Amino acid sequence: MRAGNIDNGQPRRRALSPTQLPGVRAIPKDFNRFFRGLLTPGEFFAKSQTRYLGPFDEMPTEDTLPAADEYIILQRMGRLPDSGKSIFRQVGNLST
């Protein structure tokens, strides 16, 4: 498994931020304080600029994701009560 920011003989590229992906927004700080006690680790997902894959029971690896893309690995931590939208935390980056 190669992390997106580990030197593998190629020039370093800036790691992709989750908020650069379509449909991903940061939770406002007021929500963070409210939800912190309600969050529990759950399923994993992989998101790139063009793909949204998952759920995975275990953290996806280079072998379990399609090749030639850069992914942010997310873990579902809960859902917003009013909308049902998922709350994720970033747990890694992968380049395949």
Foldseek 3Di string as FASTA:
>chain_A
DDFLQDCPPDDRDDADDQVVEPPDDDDDPVVCVVCVVVWDWAFKWKDFNPDIDDRDRDFDDPVRDDAATKIFMWTFGAADPPPRHTDIDTDGIDHD
